[in-house]
Protein backbone atom coordinates (compact mmCIF):
# COMPACT_ATOMS: atom_id res chain seq x y z
CA MET A 1 -36.59 30.12 28.03
CA THR A 2 -33.84 29.06 25.64
CA ARG A 3 -30.26 29.77 24.66
CA GLU A 4 -31.63 31.91 21.81
CA ASP A 5 -33.60 34.03 24.32
CA ALA A 6 -30.48 34.64 26.41
CA VAL A 7 -28.45 35.58 23.33
CA GLU A 8 -31.19 37.96 22.18
CA THR A 9 -31.18 39.64 25.59
CA ALA A 10 -27.40 40.04 25.52
CA LEU A 11 -27.47 41.46 21.99
CA THR A 12 -30.13 43.93 23.11
CA TYR A 13 -27.69 45.19 25.74
CA TYR A 14 -25.20 45.68 22.93
CA ASP A 15 -27.52 47.14 20.28
CA ASP A 16 -29.33 49.50 22.67
CA GLY A 17 -26.09 50.96 23.99
CA LYS A 18 -25.92 49.53 27.52
CA TYR A 19 -22.62 47.79 26.86
CA PHE A 20 -20.96 50.89 25.41
CA GLU A 21 -22.38 53.16 28.11
CA GLU A 22 -20.70 51.03 30.77
CA LEU A 23 -17.52 50.72 28.76
CA ARG A 24 -17.33 54.48 28.22
CA ARG A 25 -17.32 55.07 31.99
CA ARG A 26 -14.65 52.43 32.54
CA VAL A 27 -12.35 53.67 29.81
CA ALA A 28 -12.55 57.16 31.34
CA ILE A 29 -10.88 55.92 34.54
CA PRO A 30 -7.09 56.19 33.97
CA THR A 31 -6.13 52.88 35.58
CA GLU A 32 -2.44 53.04 34.59
CA CYS A 33 -0.88 50.52 36.95
CA GLN A 34 2.61 51.45 35.74
CA ASP A 35 2.17 54.92 37.25
CA PRO A 36 2.27 54.76 41.08
CA LYS A 37 0.22 57.96 41.28
CA GLN A 38 -2.76 56.14 39.76
CA VAL A 39 -3.23 53.56 42.52
CA PRO A 40 -6.32 55.49 43.79
CA GLU A 41 -7.84 55.05 40.31
CA LEU A 42 -7.31 51.30 40.57
CA TYR A 43 -9.27 51.27 43.80
CA ARG A 44 -11.94 53.52 42.23
CA TYR A 45 -12.40 51.09 39.36
CA SER A 46 -12.93 48.23 41.80
CA ARG A 47 -15.17 50.22 44.15
CA ASP A 48 -17.25 52.34 41.78
CA GLU A 49 -17.51 50.11 38.69
CA MET A 50 -17.05 46.46 39.58
CA THR A 51 -18.78 46.40 42.97
CA PRO A 52 -22.17 47.92 42.02
CA ALA A 53 -22.32 46.02 38.73
CA PHE A 54 -21.80 42.62 40.34
CA GLU A 55 -23.95 43.38 43.39
CA ALA A 56 -26.83 44.18 41.03
CA MET A 57 -26.50 40.60 39.71
CA GLY A 58 -26.68 39.06 43.18
CA TYR A 59 -22.95 38.61 43.81
CA ASN A 60 -21.21 39.17 47.11
CA CYS A 61 -18.23 41.46 46.55
CA ARG A 62 -15.00 42.16 48.36
CA ILE A 63 -11.92 44.27 47.63
CA PHE A 64 -8.58 42.91 48.86
CA ASP A 65 -5.48 45.01 49.32
CA ASN A 66 -2.46 43.81 47.37
CA PRO A 67 -0.02 41.90 49.60
CA MET A 68 2.72 43.98 47.99
CA PRO A 69 2.61 47.55 49.35
CA GLY A 70 1.81 50.44 47.02
CA LEU A 71 0.08 48.35 44.34
CA GLY A 72 -3.51 48.07 43.17
CA PRO A 73 -6.14 45.84 44.79
CA PHE A 74 -7.90 42.62 43.85
CA PHE A 75 -11.69 42.55 43.42
CA LEU A 76 -13.59 39.31 43.95
CA ALA A 77 -17.28 38.69 43.31
CA HIS A 78 -19.05 35.43 44.24
CA ARG A 79 -22.52 34.13 43.41
CA PHE A 80 -23.35 30.77 45.01
CA GLU A 81 -26.34 28.81 43.73
CA SER A 82 -25.97 25.10 44.51
CA GLU A 83 -23.64 22.63 46.19
CA SER A 84 -24.18 20.22 43.31
CA SER A 85 -23.36 22.74 40.57
CA PRO A 86 -19.86 23.31 39.19
CA THR A 87 -18.03 26.49 40.14
CA ILE A 88 -16.59 28.70 37.43
CA LEU A 89 -13.80 31.20 38.10
CA GLY A 90 -13.83 34.23 35.80
CA TYR A 91 -11.12 36.83 35.42
CA GLY A 92 -10.41 40.25 33.99
CA HIS A 93 -7.93 43.03 34.62
CA GLY A 94 -9.04 46.60 35.16
CA ASP A 95 -5.58 48.11 34.78
CA VAL A 96 -4.14 49.39 31.50
CA VAL A 97 -0.73 50.35 30.12
CA LEU A 98 0.23 54.01 30.06
CA GLY A 99 -2.18 56.13 28.05
CA GLN A 100 0.48 57.67 25.75
CA GLU A 101 -1.49 60.89 25.44
CA GLY A 102 -0.57 63.04 22.47
CA GLN A 103 0.47 60.05 20.34
CA TRP A 104 -3.02 59.02 19.25
CA LEU A 105 -4.70 59.98 15.98
CA GLU A 106 -6.00 63.51 15.83
CA GLY A 107 -9.19 63.85 17.81
CA LEU A 108 -8.61 60.73 19.91
CA SER A 109 -7.89 60.55 23.64
CA PRO A 110 -6.97 57.38 25.53
CA TRP A 111 -9.52 58.26 28.23
CA GLU A 112 -12.47 59.00 25.96
CA MET A 113 -14.25 56.23 24.09
CA THR A 114 -14.61 57.31 20.45
CA GLU A 115 -16.48 55.54 17.66
CA ARG A 116 -15.27 55.79 14.07
CA GLY A 117 -16.95 53.39 11.69
CA ASP A 118 -16.46 49.81 12.89
CA LYS A 119 -13.69 50.86 15.29
CA VAL A 120 -14.17 52.00 18.87
CA TYR A 121 -11.08 53.62 20.42
CA GLY A 122 -9.90 54.00 24.01
CA ARG A 123 -7.15 52.80 26.33
CA GLY A 124 -8.04 49.39 27.75
CA ILE A 125 -11.00 48.97 25.46
CA ALA A 126 -9.47 45.79 24.03
CA ASP A 127 -7.09 44.95 26.88
CA ASN A 128 -9.07 44.20 29.00
CA LYS A 129 -12.02 46.42 29.98
CA GLY A 130 -14.03 45.67 26.86
CA GLN A 131 -13.56 41.93 27.27
CA HIS A 132 -14.54 41.57 30.92
CA THR A 133 -17.39 44.06 30.50
CA LEU A 134 -18.73 41.80 27.74
CA HIS A 135 -18.61 38.82 30.12
CA MET A 136 -20.49 40.82 32.73
CA ASN A 137 -23.24 41.67 30.24
CA ALA A 138 -23.46 38.03 29.15
CA LEU A 139 -23.83 36.89 32.77
CA GLU A 140 -26.54 39.46 33.36
CA ALA A 141 -28.41 38.24 30.28
CA ILE A 142 -28.28 34.65 31.54
CA ILE A 143 -29.69 35.65 34.95
CA GLU A 144 -32.40 37.78 33.37
CA THR A 145 -33.43 34.99 30.99
CA ARG A 146 -33.11 31.91 33.19
CA GLY A 147 -33.63 33.49 36.59
CA LYS A 148 -30.31 32.04 37.68
CA LEU A 149 -26.91 31.17 36.23
CA GLY A 150 -27.24 27.42 36.66
CA PHE A 151 -23.72 27.25 38.13
CA ASN A 152 -21.73 28.88 40.90
CA HIS A 153 -19.58 31.75 39.77
CA LYS A 154 -16.59 33.69 41.05
CA PHE A 155 -15.11 36.63 39.17
CA LEU A 156 -11.69 38.07 39.94
CA VAL A 157 -10.58 41.47 38.64
CA GLU A 158 -6.95 42.34 39.27
CA THR A 159 -5.48 45.80 38.75
CA GLY A 160 -1.83 45.08 38.02
CA GLU A 161 -1.64 42.66 35.09
CA GLU A 162 0.24 45.17 32.96
CA ASN A 163 2.79 45.39 35.76
CA GLY A 164 3.42 41.65 35.70
CA SER A 165 0.58 40.74 38.12
CA LYS A 166 2.78 41.56 41.10
CA GLY A 167 1.22 40.23 44.27
CA LEU A 168 -1.26 37.97 42.47
CA ASP A 169 0.65 34.77 43.17
CA GLU A 170 0.77 35.57 46.90
CA PHE A 171 -2.90 36.62 46.90
CA VAL A 172 -4.11 33.43 45.21
CA ALA A 173 -1.93 31.23 47.44
CA ALA A 174 -3.39 32.90 50.55
CA ASN A 175 -7.01 32.72 49.34
CA LYS A 176 -7.32 29.29 47.77
CA ASP A 177 -10.65 28.54 49.44
CA ALA A 178 -12.19 31.77 48.21
CA LEU A 179 -10.94 31.21 44.66
CA CYS A 180 -11.22 27.43 44.22
CA ALA A 181 -13.23 26.37 41.17
CA ASP A 182 -13.78 23.50 38.76
CA VAL A 183 -12.66 25.50 35.74
CA PHE A 184 -11.29 28.93 34.86
CA LEU A 185 -13.08 30.78 32.02
CA ALA A 186 -12.13 34.26 30.84
CA SER A 187 -11.28 36.42 27.84
CA ASP A 188 -8.11 38.29 26.98
CA GLY A 189 -5.98 38.84 23.91
CA PRO A 190 -6.72 38.50 20.20
CA ARG A 191 -8.15 35.73 18.09
CA VAL A 192 -5.66 33.85 15.98
CA ASP A 193 -7.98 34.32 12.96
CA MET A 194 -10.26 37.34 13.01
CA ASP A 195 -12.72 35.50 10.77
CA SER A 196 -13.33 32.71 13.29
CA PRO A 197 -13.40 32.34 17.11
CA ASN A 198 -10.99 30.11 18.95
CA LEU A 199 -10.16 28.82 22.41
CA VAL A 200 -6.84 29.28 24.18
CA LEU A 201 -5.81 26.90 26.98
CA GLY A 202 -2.78 28.67 28.44
CA ASN A 203 0.00 31.10 27.68
CA ARG A 204 3.63 31.34 26.72
CA GLY A 205 5.94 32.48 29.46
CA ILE A 206 7.95 35.68 29.23
CA PHE A 207 11.56 36.05 30.35
CA GLY A 208 13.42 39.32 29.92
CA PHE A 209 17.13 39.99 30.29
CA GLU A 210 19.64 42.74 29.58
CA LEU A 211 23.00 42.29 27.88
CA VAL A 212 25.58 44.95 28.67
CA CYS A 213 29.08 45.39 27.31
CA GLU A 214 30.84 48.26 29.10
CA LEU A 215 34.58 48.50 28.39
CA ARG A 216 35.73 51.92 29.58
CA ASP A 217 34.73 55.39 30.76
CA GLY A 218 33.83 57.80 27.98
CA GLY A 219 34.10 57.69 24.20
CA HIS A 220 37.29 58.10 22.21
CA HIS A 221 37.92 59.64 18.77
CA SER A 222 37.22 57.03 16.11
CA GLY A 223 40.02 58.32 13.90
CA ASN A 224 42.74 58.29 16.53
CA TRP A 225 41.55 55.13 18.26
CA GLY A 226 39.71 53.18 15.58
CA GLY A 227 41.43 49.82 15.12
CA LEU A 228 43.02 50.06 18.57
CA LEU A 229 40.05 49.97 20.93
CA ALA A 230 37.53 47.15 21.17
CA ASN A 231 34.10 48.40 20.22
CA PRO A 232 31.39 47.28 22.71
CA ALA A 233 28.65 47.65 20.10
CA ILE A 234 30.39 45.24 17.74
CA ILE A 235 31.10 42.80 20.56
CA LEU A 236 27.49 42.91 21.72
CA ALA A 237 26.19 42.39 18.20
CA HIS A 238 28.31 39.27 17.85
CA ALA A 239 27.27 38.06 21.32
CA VAL A 240 23.62 38.30 20.30
CA SER A 241 24.34 36.56 17.00
CA SER A 242 25.81 33.65 18.95
CA LEU A 243 22.43 33.22 20.63
CA ILE A 244 20.22 33.61 17.56
CA ASN A 245 21.06 33.59 13.87
CA ALA A 246 20.13 36.01 11.10
CA LYS A 247 16.93 34.06 10.39
CA GLY A 248 15.61 34.02 13.97
CA LYS A 249 16.68 30.46 14.87
CA ILE A 250 17.75 30.08 18.50
CA LEU A 251 21.28 28.66 18.60
CA ALA A 252 21.56 27.86 22.32
CA PRO A 253 19.90 24.41 22.64
CA ASP A 254 19.03 24.79 26.33
CA LEU A 255 16.86 27.81 25.52
CA LEU A 256 14.57 25.56 23.48
CA PRO A 257 11.60 23.56 24.84
CA ALA A 258 11.20 19.82 25.04
CA PRO A 259 9.86 18.15 21.88
CA MET A 260 6.35 19.30 21.03
CA PRO A 261 3.68 16.92 22.44
CA ASN A 262 1.55 15.16 19.87
CA SER A 263 -1.64 16.64 21.35
CA VAL A 264 -0.22 20.11 20.70
CA ARG A 265 0.80 19.28 17.12
CA VAL A 266 -2.64 17.87 16.40
CA ALA A 267 -4.38 20.92 17.89
CA LEU A 268 -2.24 23.29 15.80
CA LYS A 269 -2.38 21.30 12.58
CA ASP A 270 -5.07 23.35 10.83
CA VAL A 271 -4.68 26.66 12.68
CA LYS A 272 -4.47 29.71 10.42
CA ARG A 273 -3.38 33.21 11.40
CA ASN A 274 -5.35 36.19 10.13
CA GLY A 275 -4.70 39.38 12.04
CA GLY A 276 -6.76 41.63 9.80
CA GLY A 277 -5.92 44.08 7.06
CA GLU A 278 -3.65 46.25 9.24
CA ALA A 279 -1.55 43.37 10.55
CA PRO A 280 1.96 42.92 9.11
CA ASP A 281 2.75 40.10 6.72
CA VAL A 282 4.35 37.02 8.25
CA ASP A 283 8.03 36.47 7.36
CA GLU A 284 7.76 32.83 6.37
CA ASP A 285 11.51 32.16 6.55
CA TRP A 286 11.91 33.47 10.11
CA GLY A 287 12.24 31.31 13.22
CA GLU A 288 12.78 27.59 13.73
CA PRO A 289 13.03 25.75 10.39
CA GLY A 290 10.43 23.09 9.76
CA LEU A 291 7.70 24.55 11.96
CA THR A 292 4.40 25.90 10.71
CA THR A 293 3.40 29.48 11.49
CA ALA A 294 1.09 28.28 14.26
CA GLU A 295 3.75 25.99 15.74
CA GLN A 296 6.29 28.85 15.82
CA VAL A 297 4.00 31.02 17.96
CA TYR A 298 1.96 28.55 20.00
CA GLY A 299 4.27 25.55 20.30
CA TRP A 300 7.84 26.88 20.38
CA ASN A 301 10.14 29.47 21.90
CA SER A 302 11.25 32.76 20.39
CA LEU A 303 14.08 35.11 21.30
CA ASP A 304 13.90 38.79 20.37
CA ILE A 305 15.74 42.05 20.93
CA LEU A 306 13.28 44.72 22.08
CA ALA A 307 15.72 47.62 22.30
CA MET A 308 19.42 48.38 21.72
CA LYS A 309 21.51 51.41 22.47
CA THR A 310 25.09 52.49 22.03
CA GLY A 311 26.67 55.90 21.64
CA ASN A 312 24.23 58.74 21.09
CA PRO A 313 21.66 57.60 18.50
CA ASP A 314 19.96 61.02 18.34
CA ASN A 315 23.19 62.92 17.75
CA PRO A 316 26.00 60.54 16.68
CA VAL A 317 29.59 61.69 17.14
CA ASN A 318 32.87 60.39 15.73
CA ALA A 319 33.76 58.39 18.80
CA ILE A 320 34.01 54.76 19.73
CA PRO A 321 31.32 54.33 22.41
CA PRO A 322 32.24 53.02 25.84
CA LYS A 323 29.13 50.92 26.30
CA ALA A 324 26.47 48.94 24.43
CA TRP A 325 23.18 47.70 25.84
CA ALA A 326 20.35 45.45 24.65
CA LEU A 327 17.03 44.45 26.18
CA CYS A 328 16.14 40.92 25.11
CA GLN A 329 13.17 38.67 25.67
CA ILE A 330 12.34 34.98 25.45
CA ARG A 331 8.74 33.87 24.95
CA TYR A 332 8.60 30.22 25.93
CA VAL A 333 6.20 27.29 26.18
CA VAL A 334 5.68 24.57 28.78
CA GLY A 335 8.62 22.16 28.69
CA SER A 336 11.29 24.87 28.74
CA LYS A 337 13.99 25.07 31.41
CA ASP A 338 13.05 28.64 32.28
CA ASP A 339 14.53 28.50 35.79
CA GLU A 340 17.91 27.91 34.13
CA PHE A 341 17.72 30.58 31.42
CA MET A 342 20.08 33.02 33.14
CA ALA A 343 22.70 30.34 33.80
CA THR A 344 22.29 28.94 30.30
CA ILE A 345 22.88 32.31 28.66
CA ARG A 346 25.86 33.05 30.91
CA LYS A 347 27.48 29.70 30.09
CA HIS A 348 26.77 30.13 26.37
CA LEU A 349 28.35 33.59 26.24
CA ASP A 350 31.41 32.43 28.17
CA THR A 351 31.83 29.39 25.91
CA HIS A 352 31.76 31.65 22.84
CA GLY A 353 34.31 34.11 24.21
CA PHE A 354 31.95 36.83 25.44
CA ASP A 355 32.83 36.83 29.13
CA MET A 356 33.04 40.64 28.96
CA VAL A 357 29.27 40.81 28.24
CA GLU A 358 27.22 41.09 31.41
CA ILE A 359 23.76 39.55 31.70
CA LYS A 360 21.29 40.84 34.27
CA LYS A 361 17.60 41.04 34.99
CA PRO A 362 15.90 44.11 33.54
CA SER A 363 14.84 47.01 35.70
CA GLY A 364 11.57 48.89 35.40
CA SER A 365 7.90 47.92 35.14
CA ASN A 366 7.79 47.40 31.38
CA THR A 367 9.43 43.98 31.54
CA PRO A 368 7.01 41.69 33.39
CA GLU A 369 7.61 37.99 33.94
CA PHE A 370 5.01 35.26 33.60
CA LYS A 371 5.50 31.50 33.69
CA ALA A 372 4.32 29.30 30.83
CA ALA A 373 1.13 27.33 31.40
CA ARG A 374 -0.98 24.94 29.38
CA THR A 375 -4.13 22.85 29.75
CA ASP A 376 -3.92 19.77 27.58
CA PRO A 377 -6.31 19.92 24.60
CA ASP A 378 -7.54 16.44 25.63
CA ASN A 379 -8.71 17.71 29.05
CA PRO A 380 -12.50 17.08 29.48
CA TRP A 381 -13.20 20.74 30.18
CA ALA A 382 -11.22 21.78 27.10
CA ARG A 383 -13.19 19.36 24.94
CA TRP A 384 -16.47 20.56 26.47
CA ALA A 385 -15.61 24.23 25.89
CA ALA A 386 -14.70 23.55 22.25
CA GLN A 387 -18.03 21.82 21.70
CA ALA A 388 -19.94 24.64 23.40
CA LEU A 389 -18.20 27.31 21.33
CA GLU A 390 -18.71 25.33 18.15
CA LYS A 391 -22.42 25.01 18.95
CA GLY A 392 -22.70 28.79 19.22
CA TRP A 393 -20.55 29.39 16.14
CA GLY A 394 -22.02 26.68 13.97
CA SER A 395 -18.78 25.06 12.84
CA LYS A 396 -15.40 23.83 14.08
CA VAL A 397 -13.18 26.26 16.00
CA ALA A 398 -9.43 26.25 16.60
CA VAL A 399 -8.14 25.20 20.02
CA LEU A 400 -4.73 26.67 20.88
CA PRO A 401 -2.80 24.91 23.66
CA ASN A 402 -1.53 28.34 24.68
CA SER A 403 -1.45 31.89 23.44
CA GLY A 404 1.60 33.53 21.91
CA GLY A 405 1.46 36.21 24.60
CA SER A 406 1.86 35.99 28.35
CA ILE A 407 -0.50 36.42 31.28
CA CYS A 408 -0.99 35.13 34.83
CA ASN A 409 -2.50 31.78 33.76
CA HIS A 410 0.13 29.73 35.63
CA THR A 411 -0.90 31.20 38.99
CA PHE A 412 -4.38 29.67 38.77
CA GLN A 413 -3.11 26.32 37.54
CA ASN A 414 -0.32 26.08 40.11
CA HIS A 415 -2.30 27.08 43.20
CA LEU A 416 -5.84 26.04 42.32
CA GLY A 417 -5.24 23.16 39.91
CA THR A 418 -7.98 24.39 37.58
CA PRO A 419 -8.09 23.83 33.83
CA THR A 420 -7.86 27.24 32.14
CA ILE A 421 -9.94 28.28 29.14
CA TRP A 422 -9.82 31.61 27.35
CA ILE A 423 -12.12 32.92 24.61
CA PRO A 424 -10.20 35.84 23.04
CA LEU A 425 -12.50 38.57 21.79
CA SER A 426 -10.10 41.02 20.13
CA TYR A 427 -7.94 40.80 17.00
CA SER A 428 -4.19 41.11 16.57
CA ALA A 429 -4.22 44.51 14.81
CA CYS A 430 -6.14 46.22 17.65
CA SER A 431 -3.09 48.30 18.72
CA GLN A 432 -3.23 47.16 22.34
CA HIS A 433 -0.31 48.59 24.37
CA ALA A 434 0.09 51.26 21.66
CA PRO A 435 -1.63 54.49 20.67
CA ASN A 436 -5.03 54.06 18.96
CA GLU A 437 -6.08 50.92 20.85
CA HIS A 438 -9.49 49.82 19.59
CA ILE A 439 -12.04 47.08 19.21
CA LEU A 440 -14.20 46.24 16.21
CA LYS A 441 -17.94 46.55 16.73
CA SER A 442 -18.60 43.59 14.45
CA LEU A 443 -16.27 41.23 16.33
CA THR A 444 -17.47 42.46 19.72
CA ARG A 445 -21.12 41.89 18.91
CA GLN A 446 -20.25 38.43 17.68
CA GLY A 447 -18.30 37.83 20.89
CA MET A 448 -21.31 38.85 22.97
CA GLU A 449 -23.36 36.18 21.23
CA LEU A 450 -20.72 33.46 21.62
CA VAL A 451 -19.86 34.11 25.27
CA THR A 452 -23.53 34.22 26.23
CA SER A 453 -24.13 30.90 24.50
CA VAL A 454 -21.21 29.28 26.34
CA TYR A 455 -22.49 30.55 29.69
CA TRP A 456 -25.95 29.20 28.84
CA ASP A 457 -24.48 25.77 28.19
CA LEU A 458 -22.59 25.89 31.50
CA GLY A 459 -25.96 25.93 33.22
CA GLU A 460 -27.35 23.17 31.01
CA ASN A 461 -24.76 20.45 30.45
CA ALA A 462 -21.40 21.35 32.02
CA PRO A 463 -19.10 18.49 33.09
CA ALA A 464 -19.92 17.10 36.52
CA LYS A 465 -18.63 18.97 39.56
CA SER A 466 -15.20 17.68 40.53
């Protein structure tokens, strides 16, 4: 039996409908981790979907309660084959963001998988049910073809990633022996170029904060009081502009990372972004001057305003508002002083005369925090994975030191010390986290072929067990 046989088996699962049959069932489970009422659905996904699927492949399965009360569980499957074989830790998340029913295109429901041309719609179909279901099919094809994996394998499915992976850090720290592995291999997020696969070795961190300028109780007539009362909206706008200029350059030096390592610059040198026909055009003059598009997203920090409010935007009145509010976010790479961000922003605002602007951590579940993490592109496992993916693809692939987005990558590196490797299977215009989330059949079928080929190579010529 050969790699080609395994790939053919996996593509049969795809072409004959097995993959989409399983995915349809999983999309139909409303695993909205941001809605406390859906915790039973998170357990159902682990119990009724993950457990029987992995047990059928010879894995031992266990469901762990979240160490944080009232949150979804962790599912862990383990297939042991040999003491001398390397152990791979896989990952997926069964939870999704809120379905946003009623906001999808006519005829579409977040909880019903719907095919329209090359697009297949459904909540979680790209992020992340479609991606970890593809891995499960690829693993099954390897076992069917070879009779074994050729390596030891653990697969973790969490159910709270969209809530900031609350409880995951404590769970991993308490279960190091059960989760220890030689390398972490998973799929999440979009390709950088939809025309070519790539590897991702980590993630940018995410740090959210609120800026509030509240000067008085109630609004006051703008004619009688205009020119006499300080306007909190104007003050807040200038406070933000002291942090970042009109072209997106961060002006507070301590919010920037350390100089970009040479290994990162080399890895990003030839990286191109292509998000597909529905993706917005890149604003070439935005961000840190002198950086390439790839360096801006994968090698540097960005600061953005996600929401602002003052007065009554839906029904403005002729009054000076009493309060202005902004939700801001920093996406940051390894080498940033993220533990000092709050103090840095406070000091910067005070230095620039904005002591009346309050800074505080955001409330609510829509502002998760993840630490930045990165596996060096020169790591032996990173080099091996690039070669394996290139063998399946037939030409050179991009290797990103980290993604532009954020996920729980740092937890596995910090507690387990494992190199982390991601093979993103979606594309940037897939509308994840928004209405009309979808995957492309063409990219997904290609992903099935590539992931299966990488798993085949893991059983043939993976780096020696550490």
